[in-house]
């Protein structure tokens, strides 16, 4: 058997409802097919999501991290990192909207 590393990537397209915990860190939960993942991020990382919400009409956020401790009804995502991308409409969707 060889050692491996388990990482999880969660994709979102809406700003989660977050609560502020110590030192300005933000904590929020994500429902992934009825499995609740609890995420706590630094203010700098949270800013990526709020900037995307303010700057782009459509966006996608990819939250990656390690599967952490399991609690009563959820998992904790350890060492989360967020990447945000602008989501552009597909060309056929634009053409269909223009023809209507």
PDB file of N, CA and C in Angstrom:
ATOM      1  N   UNK A   1       0.850  -1.174   0.000  1.00  0.00           N
ATOM      2  CA  UNK A   1       0.000   0.000   0.000  1.00  0.00           C
ATOM      3  C   UNK A   1       0.900   1.244   0.000  1.00  0.00           C
ATOM      4  N   UNK A   2       0.471   2.279  -0.724  1.00  0.00           N
ATOM      5  CA  UNK A   2       1.244   3.519  -0.752  1.00  0.00           C
ATOM      6  C   UNK A   2       0.420   4.629  -0.093  1.00  0.00           C
ATOM      7  N   UNK A   3       1.085   5.631   0.471  1.00  0.00           N
ATOM      8  CA  UNK A   3       0.339   6.723   1.096  1.00  0.00           C
ATOM      9  C   UNK A   3      -0.244   7.656   0.038  1.00  0.00           C
ATOM     10  N   UNK A   4      -1.364   8.247   0.349  1.00  0.00           N
ATOM     11  CA  UNK A   4      -2.014   9.201  -0.550  1.00  0.00           C
ATOM     12  C   UNK A   4      -2.500  10.405   0.236  1.00  0.00           C
ATOM     13  N   UNK A   5      -3.011  11.375  -0.489  1.00  0.00           N
ATOM     14  CA  UNK A   5      -3.514  12.590   0.128  1.00  0.00           C
ATOM     15  C   UNK A   5      -4.923  12.837  -0.398  1.00  0.00           C
ATOM     16  N   UNK A   6      -5.869  12.962   0.499  1.00  0.00           N
ATOM     17  CA  UNK A   6      -7.257  13.190   0.124  1.00  0.00           C
ATOM     18  C   UNK A   6      -7.559  14.681   0.195  1.00  0.00           C
ATOM     19  N   UNK A   7      -7.944  15.252  -0.936  1.00  0.00           N
ATOM     20  CA  UNK A   7      -8.349  16.645  -0.989  1.00  0.00           C
ATOM     21  C   UNK A   7      -9.744  16.724  -1.587  1.00  0.00           C
ATOM     22  N   UNK A   8     -10.479  17.730  -1.156  1.00  0.00           N
ATOM     23  CA  UNK A   8     -11.848  17.919  -1.617  1.00  0.00           C
ATOM     24  C   UNK A   8     -11.938  19.273  -2.307  1.00  0.00           C
ATOM     25  N   UNK A   9     -12.671  19.328  -3.412  1.00  0.00           N
ATOM     26  CA  UNK A   9     -12.959  20.600  -4.068  1.00  0.00           C
ATOM     27  C   UNK A   9     -14.470  20.751  -4.143  1.00  0.00           C
ATOM     28  N   UNK A  10     -14.950  21.875  -3.638  1.00  0.00           N
ATOM     29  CA  UNK A  10     -16.382  22.182  -3.637  1.00  0.00           C
ATOM     30  C   UNK A  10     -16.589  23.398  -4.522  1.00  0.00           C
ATOM     31  N   UNK A  11     -17.535  23.325  -5.444  1.00  0.00           N
ATOM     32  CA  UNK A  11     -17.819  24.456  -6.322  1.00  0.00           C
ATOM     33  C   UNK A  11     -19.105  25.131  -5.854  1.00  0.00           C
ATOM     34  N   UNK A  12     -19.053  26.479  -5.805  1.00  0.00           N
ATOM     35  CA  UNK A  12     -20.225  27.257  -5.425  1.00  0.00           C
ATOM     36  C   UNK A  12     -20.395  28.405  -6.415  1.00  0.00           C
ATOM     37  N   UNK A  13     -21.614  28.951  -6.490  1.00  0.00           N
ATOM     38  CA  UNK A  13     -21.845  30.111  -7.346  1.00  0.00           C
ATOM     39  C   UNK A  13     -22.711  31.160  -6.659  1.00  0.00           C
ATOM     40  N   UNK A  14     -22.818  31.054  -5.337  1.00  0.00           N
ATOM     41  CA  UNK A  14     -23.536  32.025  -4.528  1.00  0.00           C
ATOM     42  C   UNK A  14     -22.701  32.333  -3.293  1.00  0.00           C
ATOM     43  N   UNK A  15     -22.814  33.541  -2.795  1.00  0.00           N
ATOM     44  CA  UNK A  15     -22.098  33.929  -1.588  1.00  0.00           C
ATOM     45  C   UNK A  15     -22.775  33.277  -0.385  1.00  0.00           C
ATOM     46  N   UNK A  16     -22.034  32.479   0.390  1.00  0.00           N
ATOM     47  CA  UNK A  16     -22.645  31.824   1.551  1.00  0.00           C
ATOM     48  C   UNK A  16     -22.951  32.820   2.665  1.00  0.00           C
ATOM     49  N   UNK A  17     -23.913  32.463   3.494  1.00  0.00           N
ATOM     50  CA  UNK A  17     -24.190  33.225   4.701  1.00  0.00           C
ATOM     51  C   UNK A  17     -23.085  32.879   5.692  1.00  0.00           C
ATOM     52  N   UNK A  18     -22.305  33.857   6.085  1.00  0.00           N
ATOM     53  CA  UNK A  18     -21.177  33.598   6.977  1.00  0.00           C
ATOM     54  C   UNK A  18     -21.372  34.317   8.297  1.00  0.00           C
ATOM     55  N   UNK A  19     -20.718  33.788   9.314  1.00  0.00           N
ATOM     56  CA  UNK A  19     -20.689  34.489  10.591  1.00  0.00           C
ATOM     57  C   UNK A  19     -19.226  34.738  10.936  1.00  0.00           C
ATOM     58  N   UNK A  20     -18.979  35.864  11.560  1.00  0.00           N
ATOM     59  CA  UNK A  20     -17.619  36.238  11.927  1.00  0.00           C
ATOM     60  C   UNK A  20     -17.242  35.544  13.225  1.00  0.00           C
ATOM     61  N   UNK A  21     -16.086  34.892  13.192  1.00  0.00           N
ATOM     62  CA  UNK A  21     -15.531  34.283  14.401  1.00  0.00           C
ATOM     63  C   UNK A  21     -14.292  35.094  14.769  1.00  0.00           C
ATOM     64  N   UNK A  22     -13.479  34.615  15.650  1.00  0.00           N
ATOM     65  CA  UNK A  22     -12.364  35.423  16.157  1.00  0.00           C
ATOM     66  C   UNK A  22     -11.430  35.946  15.067  1.00  0.00           C
ATOM     67  N   UNK A  23     -10.898  37.139  15.301  1.00  0.00           N
ATOM     68  CA  UNK A  23      -9.935  37.814  14.421  1.00  0.00           C
ATOM     69  C   UNK A  23     -10.468  38.079  13.012  1.00  0.00           C
ATOM     70  N   UNK A  24     -11.777  38.206  12.847  1.00  0.00           N
ATOM     71  CA  UNK A  24     -12.347  38.523  11.550  1.00  0.00           C
ATOM     72  C   UNK A  24     -12.502  37.334  10.613  1.00  0.00           C
ATOM     73  N   UNK A  25     -12.140  36.147  11.055  1.00  0.00           N
ATOM     74  CA  UNK A  25     -12.316  34.963  10.217  1.00  0.00           C
ATOM     75  C   UNK A  25     -13.801  34.738   9.997  1.00  0.00           C
ATOM     76  N   UNK A  26     -14.145  34.180   8.828  1.00  0.00           N
ATOM     77  CA  UNK A  26     -15.536  33.921   8.472  1.00  0.00           C
ATOM     78  C   UNK A  26     -15.796  32.417   8.456  1.00  0.00           C
ATOM     79  N   UNK A  27     -16.932  32.033   9.024  1.00  0.00           N
ATOM     80  CA  UNK A  27     -17.304  30.619   9.048  1.00  0.00           C
ATOM     81  C   UNK A  27     -18.652  30.464   8.359  1.00  0.00           C
ATOM     82  N   UNK A  28     -18.745  29.443   7.487  1.00  0.00           N
ATOM     83  CA  UNK A  28     -19.993  29.169   6.790  1.00  0.00           C
ATOM     84  C   UNK A  28     -20.103  27.679   6.517  1.00  0.00           C
ATOM     85  N   UNK A  29     -21.324  27.244   6.230  1.00  0.00           N
ATOM     86  CA  UNK A  29     -21.599  25.845   5.934  1.00  0.00           C
ATOM     87  C   UNK A  29     -22.062  25.718   4.492  1.00  0.00           C
ATOM     88  N   UNK A  30     -21.702  24.599   3.882  1.00  0.00           N
ATOM     89  CA  UNK A  30     -22.110  24.297   2.516  1.00  0.00           C
ATOM     90  C   UNK A  30     -22.775  22.929   2.522  1.00  0.00           C
ATOM     91  N   UNK A  31     -23.948  22.843   1.926  1.00  0.00           N
ATOM     92  CA  UNK A  31     -24.673  21.579   1.811  1.00  0.00           C
ATOM     93  C   UNK A  31     -24.251  20.908   0.507  1.00  0.00           C
ATOM     94  N   UNK A  32     -23.513  19.829   0.608  1.00  0.00           N
ATOM     95  CA  UNK A  32     -23.036  19.075  -0.558  1.00  0.00           C
ATOM     96  C   UNK A  32     -23.784  17.745  -0.604  1.00  0.00           C
ATOM     97  N   UNK A  33     -24.876  17.723  -1.346  1.00  0.00           N
ATOM     98  CA  UNK A  33     -25.703  16.510  -1.451  1.00  0.00           C
ATOM     99  C   UNK A  33     -26.078  15.966  -0.073  1.00  0.00           C
ATOM    100  N   UNK A  34     -26.576  16.858   0.762  1.00  0.00           N
ATOM    101  CA  UNK A  34     -27.036  16.562   2.121  1.00  0.00           C
ATOM    102  C   UNK A  34     -25.913  16.215   3.096  1.00  0.00           C
ATOM    103  N   UNK A  35     -24.682  16.460   2.715  1.00  0.00           N
ATOM    104  CA  UNK A  35     -23.553  16.361   3.642  1.00  0.00           C
ATOM    105  C   UNK A  35     -23.087  17.785   3.898  1.00  0.00           C
ATOM    106  N   UNK A  36     -23.108  18.172   5.138  1.00  0.00           N
ATOM    107  CA  UNK A  36     -22.774  19.545   5.495  1.00  0.00           C
ATOM    108  C   UNK A  36     -21.268  19.653   5.717  1.00  0.00           C
ATOM    109  N   UNK A  37     -20.652  20.609   5.034  1.00  0.00           N
ATOM    110  CA  UNK A  37     -19.225  20.875   5.172  1.00  0.00           C
ATOM    111  C   UNK A  37     -19.080  22.240   5.831  1.00  0.00           C
ATOM    112  N   UNK A  38     -18.356  22.300   6.935  1.00  0.00           N
ATOM    113  CA  UNK A  38     -18.124  23.543   7.656  1.00  0.00           C
ATOM    114  C   UNK A  38     -16.766  24.108   7.237  1.00  0.00           C
ATOM    115  N   UNK A  39     -16.763  25.393   6.818  1.00  0.00           N
ATOM    116  CA  UNK A  39     -15.559  26.038   6.298  1.00  0.00           C
ATOM    117  C   UNK A  39     -15.290  27.306   7.114  1.00  0.00           C
ATOM    118  N   UNK A  40     -14.044  27.492   7.529  1.00  0.00           N
ATOM    119  CA  UNK A  40     -13.626  28.707   8.212  1.00  0.00           C
ATOM    120  C   UNK A  40     -12.428  29.260   7.462  1.00  0.00           C
ATOM    121  N   UNK A  41     -12.538  30.541   7.028  1.00  0.00           N
ATOM    122  CA  UNK A  41     -11.483  31.136   6.208  1.00  0.00           C
ATOM    123  C   UNK A  41     -11.011  32.473   6.779  1.00  0.00           C
ATOM    124  N   UNK A  42      -9.780  32.833   6.422  1.00  0.00           N
ATOM    125  CA  UNK A  42      -9.199  34.108   6.811  1.00  0.00           C
ATOM    126  C   UNK A  42      -9.938  35.236   6.093  1.00  0.00           C
ATOM    127  N   UNK A  43      -9.879  36.454   6.641  1.00  0.00           N
ATOM    128  CA  UNK A  43     -10.536  37.580   5.974  1.00  0.00           C
ATOM    129  C   UNK A  43     -10.064  37.789   4.537  1.00  0.00           C
ATOM    130  N   UNK A  44      -8.786  37.591   4.271  1.00  0.00           N
ATOM    131  CA  UNK A  44      -8.242  37.769   2.916  1.00  0.00           C
ATOM    132  C   UNK A  44      -8.864  36.770   1.933  1.00  0.00           C
ATOM    133  N   UNK A  45      -9.074  35.557   2.372  1.00  0.00           N
ATOM    134  CA  UNK A  45      -9.682  34.529   1.518  1.00  0.00           C
ATOM    135  C   UNK A  45     -11.174  34.825   1.321  1.00  0.00           C
ATOM    136  N   UNK A  46     -11.862  35.261   2.376  1.00  0.00           N
ATOM    137  CA  UNK A  46     -13.284  35.610   2.282  1.00  0.00           C
ATOM    138  C   UNK A  46     -13.487  36.762   1.294  1.00  0.00           C
ATOM    139  N   UNK A  47     -12.539  37.687   1.257  1.00  0.00           N
ATOM    140  CA  UNK A  47     -12.625  38.841   0.363  1.00  0.00           C
ATOM    141  C   UNK A  47     -12.690  38.413  -1.101  1.00  0.00           C
ATOM    142  N   UNK A  48     -12.058  37.301  -1.452  1.00  0.00           N
ATOM    143  CA  UNK A  48     -12.135  36.800  -2.824  1.00  0.00           C
ATOM    144  C   UNK A  48     -13.593  36.531  -3.218  1.00  0.00           C
ATOM    145  N   UNK A  49     -14.362  35.963  -2.300  1.00  0.00           N
ATOM    146  CA  UNK A  49     -15.767  35.665  -2.590  1.00  0.00           C
ATOM    147  C   UNK A  49     -16.605  36.943  -2.658  1.00  0.00           C
ATOM    148  N   UNK A  50     -16.388  37.868  -1.720  1.00  0.00           N
ATOM    149  CA  UNK A  50     -17.186  39.093  -1.731  1.00  0.00           C
ATOM    150  C   UNK A  50     -16.837  39.961  -2.938  1.00  0.00           C
ATOM    151  N   UNK A  51     -15.573  39.962  -3.342  1.00  0.00           N
ATOM    152  CA  UNK A  51     -15.180  40.701  -4.545  1.00  0.00           C
ATOM    153  C   UNK A  51     -15.835  40.113  -5.793  1.00  0.00           C
ATOM    154  N   UNK A  52     -15.889  38.790  -5.876  1.00  0.00           N
ATOM    155  CA  UNK A  52     -16.528  38.135  -7.021  1.00  0.00           C
ATOM    156  C   UNK A  52     -18.010  38.485  -7.078  1.00  0.00           C
ATOM    157  N   UNK A  53     -18.669  38.467  -5.924  1.00  0.00           N
ATOM    158  CA  UNK A  53     -20.095  38.793  -5.863  1.00  0.00           C
ATOM    159  C   UNK A  53     -20.342  40.218  -6.355  1.00  0.00           C
ATOM    160  N   UNK A  54     -19.443  41.134  -6.002  1.00  0.00           N
ATOM    161  CA  UNK A  54     -19.603  42.536  -6.385  1.00  0.00           C
ATOM    162  C   UNK A  54     -19.179  42.816  -7.830  1.00  0.00           C
ATOM    163  N   UNK A  55     -18.225  42.063  -8.341  1.00  0.00           N
ATOM    164  CA  UNK A  55     -17.633  42.370  -9.645  1.00  0.00           C
ATOM    165  C   UNK A  55     -18.237  41.632 -10.824  1.00  0.00           C
ATOM    166  N   UNK A  56     -18.709  40.420 -10.624  1.00  0.00           N
ATOM    167  CA  UNK A  56     -19.159  39.590 -11.743  1.00  0.00           C
ATOM    168  C   UNK A  56     -20.652  39.308 -11.648  1.00  0.00           C
ATOM    169  N   UNK A  57     -21.371  39.378 -12.784  1.00  0.00           N
ATOM    170  CA  UNK A  57     -22.786  39.003 -12.756  1.00  0.00           C
ATOM    171  C   UNK A  57     -22.964  37.502 -12.473  1.00  0.00           C
ATOM    172  N   UNK A  58     -22.034  36.690 -12.988  1.00  0.00           N
ATOM    173  CA  UNK A  58     -22.032  35.247 -12.712  1.00  0.00           C
ATOM    174  C   UNK A  58     -20.600  34.845 -12.404  1.00  0.00           C
ATOM    175  N   UNK A  59     -20.431  33.982 -11.401  1.00  0.00           N
ATOM    176  CA  UNK A  59     -19.098  33.547 -11.013  1.00  0.00           C
ATOM    177  C   UNK A  59     -19.167  32.149 -10.433  1.00  0.00           C
ATOM    178  N   UNK A  60     -18.002  31.517 -10.341  1.00  0.00           N
ATOM    179  CA  UNK A  60     -17.876  30.195  -9.731  1.00  0.00           C
ATOM    180  C   UNK A  60     -16.698  30.252  -8.763  1.00  0.00           C
ATOM    181  N   UNK A  61     -16.910  29.726  -7.588  1.00  0.00           N
ATOM    182  CA  UNK A  61     -15.839  29.631  -6.609  1.00  0.00           C
ATOM    183  C   UNK A  61     -15.486  28.173  -6.381  1.00  0.00           C
ATOM    184  N   UNK A  62     -14.205  27.876  -6.360  1.00  0.00           N
ATOM    185  CA  UNK A  62     -13.727  26.524  -6.077  1.00  0.00           C
ATOM    186  C   UNK A  62     -13.026  26.564  -4.724  1.00  0.00           C
ATOM    187  N   UNK A  63     -13.601  25.859  -3.761  1.00  0.00           N
ATOM    188  CA  UNK A  63     -13.051  25.804  -2.412  1.00  0.00           C
ATOM    189  C   UNK A  63     -12.399  24.439  -2.254  1.00  0.00           C
ATOM    190  N   UNK A  64     -11.093  24.427  -2.036  1.00  0.00           N
ATOM    191  CA  UNK A  64     -10.363  23.162  -1.916  1.00  0.00           C
ATOM    192  C   UNK A  64      -9.744  23.061  -0.528  1.00  0.00           C
ATOM    193  N   UNK A  65      -9.657  21.856  -0.031  1.00  0.00           N
ATOM    194  CA  UNK A  65      -9.045  21.629   1.273  1.00  0.00           C
ATOM    195  C   UNK A  65      -9.024  20.153   1.618  1.00  0.00           C
ATOM    196  N   UNK A  66      -8.562  19.889   2.819  1.00  0.00           N
ATOM    197  CA  UNK A  66      -8.487  18.507   3.307  1.00  0.00           C
ATOM    198  C   UNK A  66      -9.748  18.165   4.096  1.00  0.00           C
ATOM    199  N   UNK A  67     -10.166  16.930   3.975  1.00  0.00           N
ATOM    200  CA  UNK A  67     -11.298  16.448   4.755  1.00  0.00           C
ATOM    201  C   UNK A  67     -10.848  16.346   6.202  1.00  0.00           C
ATOM    202  N   UNK A  68     -11.491  17.112   7.053  1.00  0.00           N
ATOM    203  CA  UNK A  68     -11.097  17.156   8.460  1.00  0.00           C
ATOM    204  C   UNK A  68     -12.005  16.320   9.332  1.00  0.00           C
ATOM    205  N   UNK A  69     -12.061  16.734  10.565  1.00  0.00           N
ATOM    206  CA  UNK A  69     -12.795  16.021  11.599  1.00  0.00           C
ATOM    207  C   UNK A  69     -14.288  15.952  11.295  1.00  0.00           C
ATOM    208  N   UNK A  70     -14.875  14.816  11.590  1.00  0.00           N
ATOM    209  CA  UNK A  70     -16.319  14.649  11.451  1.00  0.00           C
ATOM    210  C   UNK A  70     -16.955  15.001  12.781  1.00  0.00           C
ATOM    211  N   UNK A  71     -17.976  15.862  12.731  1.00  0.00           N
ATOM    212  CA  UNK A  71     -18.712  16.192  13.942  1.00  0.00           C
ATOM    213  C   UNK A  71     -20.061  15.493  13.867  1.00  0.00           C
ATOM    214  N   UNK A  72     -20.981  15.884  14.705  1.00  0.00           N
ATOM    215  CA  UNK A  72     -22.259  15.190  14.807  1.00  0.00           C
ATOM    216  C   UNK A  72     -22.974  15.015  13.466  1.00  0.00           C
ATOM    217  N   UNK A  73     -23.066  16.085  12.675  1.00  0.00           N
ATOM    218  CA  UNK A  73     -23.781  15.971  11.400  1.00  0.00           C
ATOM    219  C   UNK A  73     -23.056  16.688  10.273  1.00  0.00           C
ATOM    220  N   UNK A  74     -21.739  16.848  10.395  1.00  0.00           N
ATOM    221  CA  UNK A  74     -20.994  17.583   9.376  1.00  0.00           C
ATOM    222  C   UNK A  74     -19.525  17.210   9.395  1.00  0.00           C
ATOM    223  N   UNK A  75     -18.833  17.665   8.349  1.00  0.00           N
ATOM    224  CA  UNK A  75     -17.391  17.529   8.265  1.00  0.00           C
ATOM    225  C   UNK A  75     -16.789  18.926   8.299  1.00  0.00           C
ATOM    226  N   UNK A  76     -15.556  19.018   8.739  1.00  0.00           N
ATOM    227  CA  UNK A  76     -14.826  20.268   8.729  1.00  0.00           C
ATOM    228  C   UNK A  76     -13.842  20.213   7.568  1.00  0.00           C
ATOM    229  N   UNK A  77     -13.766  21.281   6.783  1.00  0.00           N
ATOM    230  CA  UNK A  77     -12.794  21.376   5.705  1.00  0.00           C
ATOM    231  C   UNK A  77     -11.567  22.093   6.262  1.00  0.00           C
ATOM    232  N   UNK A  78     -10.443  21.388   6.309  1.00  0.00           N
ATOM    233  CA  UNK A  78      -9.215  21.948   6.863  1.00  0.00           C
ATOM    234  C   UNK A  78      -8.379  22.600   5.774  1.00  0.00           C
ATOM    235  N   UNK A  79      -7.676  23.653   6.140  1.00  0.00           N
ATOM    236  CA  UNK A  79      -6.778  24.390   5.243  1.00  0.00           C
ATOM    237  C   UNK A  79      -7.480  24.782   3.938  1.00  0.00           C
ATOM    238  N   UNK A  80      -8.661  25.422   4.039  1.00  0.00           N
ATOM    239  CA  UNK A  80      -9.382  25.777   2.814  1.00  0.00           C
ATOM    240  C   UNK A  80      -8.698  26.897   2.038  1.00  0.00           C
ATOM    241  N   UNK A  81      -8.777  26.791   0.733  1.00  0.00           N
ATOM    242  CA  UNK A  81      -8.302  27.831  -0.159  1.00  0.00           C
ATOM    243  C   UNK A  81      -9.385  28.045  -1.212  1.00  0.00           C
ATOM    244  N   UNK A  82      -9.538  29.287  -1.658  1.00  0.00           N
ATOM    245  CA  UNK A  82     -10.611  29.612  -2.596  1.00  0.00           C
ATOM    246  C   UNK A  82     -10.033  30.236  -3.855  1.00  0.00           C
ATOM    247  N   UNK A  83     -10.508  29.765  -4.991  1.00  0.00           N
ATOM    248  CA  UNK A  83     -10.226  30.396  -6.276  1.00  0.00           C
ATOM    249  C   UNK A  83     -11.569  30.803  -6.864  1.00  0.00           C
ATOM    250  N   UNK A  84     -11.611  31.993  -7.456  1.00  0.00           N
ATOM    251  CA  UNK A  84     -12.858  32.498  -8.026  1.00  0.00           C
ATOM    252  C   UNK A  84     -12.648  32.798  -9.503  1.00  0.00           C
ATOM    253  N   UNK A  85     -13.642  32.431 -10.305  1.00  0.00           N
ATOM    254  CA  UNK A  85     -13.583  32.628 -11.748  1.00  0.00           C
ATOM    255  C   UNK A  85     -14.871  33.296 -12.212  1.00  0.00           C
ATOM    256  N   UNK A  86     -14.744  34.225 -13.157  1.00  0.00           N
ATOM    257  CA  UNK A  86     -15.932  34.807 -13.767  1.00  0.00           C
ATOM    258  C   UNK A  86     -16.553  33.754 -14.671  1.00  0.00           C
ATOM    259  N   UNK A  87     -17.844  33.627 -14.602  1.00  0.00           N
ATOM    260  CA  UNK A  87     -18.552  32.668 -15.458  1.00  0.00           C
ATOM    261  C   UNK A  87     -19.189  33.446 -16.587  1.00  0.00           C
ATOM    262  N   UNK A  88     -18.776  33.140 -17.796  1.00  0.00           N
ATOM    263  CA  UNK A  88     -19.302  33.841 -18.971  1.00  0.00           C
ATOM    264  C   UNK A  88     -20.361  32.971 -19.631  1.00  0.00           C
ATOM    265  N   UNK A  89     -21.444  33.598 -20.107  1.00  0.00           N
ATOM    266  CA  UNK A  89     -22.487  32.818 -20.790  1.00  0.00           C
ATOM    267  C   UNK A  89     -21.915  32.127 -22.025  1.00  0.00           C
ATOM    268  N   UNK A  90     -22.433  30.948 -22.305  1.00  0.00           N
ATOM    269  CA  UNK A  90     -21.989  30.205 -23.488  1.00  0.00           C
ATOM    270  C   UNK A  90     -22.500  30.907 -24.746  1.00  0.00           C
ATOM    271  N   UNK A  91     -21.739  30.854 -25.846  1.00  0.00           N
ATOM    272  CA  UNK A  91     -22.141  31.555 -27.080  1.00  0.00           C
ATOM    273  C   UNK A  91     -23.529  31.172 -27.583  1.00  0.00           C
ATOM    274  N   UNK A  92     -23.907  29.900 -27.507  1.00  0.00           N
ATOM    275  CA  UNK A  92     -25.233  29.508 -27.997  1.00  0.00           C
ATOM    276  C   UNK A  92     -26.346  30.112 -27.142  1.00  0.00           C
ATOM    277  N   UNK A  93     -26.100  30.334 -25.861  1.00  0.00           N
ATOM    278  CA  UNK A  93     -27.108  30.962 -25.005  1.00  0.00           C
ATOM    279  C   UNK A  93     -27.292  32.429 -25.393  1.00  0.00           C
ATOM    280  N   UNK A  94     -26.211  33.089 -25.768  1.00  0.00           N
ATOM    281  CA  UNK A  94     -26.294  34.488 -26.204  1.00  0.00           C
ATOM    282  C   UNK A  94     -27.041  34.574 -27.527  1.00  0.00           C
ATOM    283  N   UNK A  95     -26.736  33.674 -28.467  1.00  0.00           N
ATOM    284  CA  UNK A  95     -27.388  33.674 -29.777  1.00  0.00           C
ATOM    285  C   UNK A  95     -28.886  33.412 -29.644  1.00  0.00           C
ATOM    286  N   UNK A  96     -29.269  32.482 -28.768  1.00  0.00           N
ATOM    287  CA  UNK A  96     -30.680  32.169 -28.550  1.00  0.00           C
ATOM    288  C   UNK A  96     -31.405  33.364 -27.946  1.00  0.00           C
ATOM    289  N   UNK A  97     -30.769  34.027 -27.007  1.00  0.00           N
ATOM    290  CA  UNK A  97     -31.396  35.205 -26.377  1.00  0.00           C
ATOM    291  C   UNK A  97     -31.548  36.340 -27.373  1.00  0.00           C
ATOM    292  N   UNK A  98     -30.581  36.498 -28.279  1.00  0.00           N
ATOM    293  CA  UNK A  98     -30.646  37.553 -29.285  1.00  0.00           C
ATOM    294  C   UNK A  98     -31.721  37.301 -30.320  1.00  0.00           C
ATOM    295  N   UNK A  99     -32.005  36.024 -30.617  1.00  0.00           N
ATOM    296  CA  UNK A  99     -33.014  35.679 -31.628  1.00  0.00           C
ATOM    297  C   UNK A  99     -34.424  35.830 -31.092  1.00  0.00           C
ATOM    298  N   UNK A 100     -34.593  35.818 -29.800  1.00  0.00           N
ATOM    299  CA  UNK A 100     -35.938  35.876 -29.200  1.00  0.00           C
ATOM    300  C   UNK A 100     -36.536  37.238 -29.181  1.00  0.00           C
TER     301      UNK A 100
END
